[in-house]
Amino acid sequence: MKRFAIAAVLLTFATGSAFAANSCETKAMSKDGKPLAGAAKMSSMKKCCEEMAISKEGKPLSGAAKTSFIKKCESGE
């Protein structure tokens, strides 16, 4: 039972970060409701990922931690 609980917690964190990346990609829409492409999409993704770069304590990330988070978010990992 203990192993199951640990696996459930780890799965929750793993899927949470995957949904975070996908949510930024789904938010990359034009005013007409069409998906953005190219530079506009990348700009929208970067802005969204920067807004989501928050530590567990609720404080904004900075430095290498922020850079790492944004790279992972933008790549969709």
Protein backbone atom coordinates (compact mmCIF):
# COMPACT_ATOMS: atom_id res chain seq x y z
CA MET A 1 0.00 0.00 0.00
CA LYS A 2 2.88 2.35 0.82
CA ARG A 3 4.43 1.76 -2.61
CA PHE A 4 1.13 2.51 -4.28
CA ALA A 5 0.81 5.81 -2.40
CA ILE A 6 4.35 6.85 -3.34
CA ALA A 7 3.74 5.93 -6.98
CA ALA A 8 0.51 7.94 -6.99
CA VAL A 9 2.27 11.02 -5.60
CA LEU A 10 5.09 10.78 -8.14
CA LEU A 11 2.65 10.30 -10.99
CA THR A 12 0.71 13.37 -9.87
CA PHE A 13 3.82 15.56 -10.02
CA ALA A 14 4.92 14.11 -13.37
CA THR A 15 1.57 14.69 -15.04
CA GLY A 16 1.23 18.13 -13.45
CA SER A 17 4.33 19.43 -15.21
CA ALA A 18 3.21 17.84 -18.49
CA PHE A 19 -0.17 19.56 -18.27
CA ALA A 20 1.53 22.85 -17.47
CA ALA A 21 3.49 22.73 -20.72
CA ASN A 22 0.41 21.74 -22.69
CA SER A 23 -1.64 24.51 -21.15
CA CYS A 24 0.82 27.12 -22.40
CA GLU A 25 0.66 25.60 -25.86
CA THR A 26 -3.13 25.65 -25.83
CA LYS A 27 -3.14 29.28 -24.67
CA ALA A 28 -1.13 30.30 -27.76
CA MET A 29 -4.15 31.48 -29.75
CA SER A 30 -4.77 34.52 -31.90
CA LYS A 31 -7.59 36.98 -31.27
CA ASP A 32 -9.58 35.11 -33.93
CA GLY A 33 -9.27 31.87 -31.96
CA LYS A 34 -6.81 30.27 -34.38
CA PRO A 35 -3.59 28.64 -33.10
CA LEU A 36 -0.49 30.79 -33.37
CA ALA A 37 2.53 29.63 -35.35
CA GLY A 38 6.19 30.55 -35.65
CA ALA A 39 7.61 33.50 -33.75
CA ALA A 40 4.24 34.57 -32.38
CA LYS A 41 3.71 31.13 -30.84
CA MET A 42 7.20 31.07 -29.32
CA SER A 43 6.71 34.54 -27.84
CA SER A 44 3.37 33.54 -26.33
CA MET A 45 4.84 30.29 -24.96
CA LYS A 46 7.80 32.12 -23.40
CA LYS A 47 5.54 34.68 -21.71
CA CYS A 48 3.25 31.94 -20.39
CA CYS A 49 6.16 29.84 -19.10
CA GLU A 50 7.72 32.86 -17.36
CA GLU A 51 4.43 33.50 -15.56
CA MET A 52 4.33 29.87 -14.39
CA ALA A 53 7.94 29.89 -13.07
CA ILE A 54 7.03 29.86 -9.39
CA SER A 55 8.68 27.89 -6.58
CA LYS A 56 6.85 25.55 -4.21
CA GLU A 57 6.73 28.39 -1.68
CA GLY A 58 4.95 30.63 -4.18
CA LYS A 59 7.93 32.88 -4.89
CA PRO A 60 9.13 33.61 -8.45
CA LEU A 61 12.07 31.52 -9.62
CA SER A 62 15.28 33.26 -10.62
CA GLY A 63 18.63 32.44 -12.17
CA ALA A 64 19.41 28.91 -13.29
CA ALA A 65 16.21 27.47 -11.81
CA LYS A 66 14.08 29.86 -13.86
CA THR A 67 16.08 29.20 -17.03
CA SER A 68 15.75 25.44 -16.56
CA PHE A 69 12.01 25.65 -15.89
CA ILE A 70 11.40 27.82 -18.95
CA LYS A 71 13.41 25.48 -21.21
CA LYS A 72 11.41 22.48 -20.01
CA CYS A 73 8.12 24.34 -20.31
CA GLU A 74 8.82 25.58 -23.84
CA SER A 75 9.96 22.16 -25.04
CA GLY A 76 6.82 20.52 -23.69
CA GLU A 77 8.60 18.06 -21.37
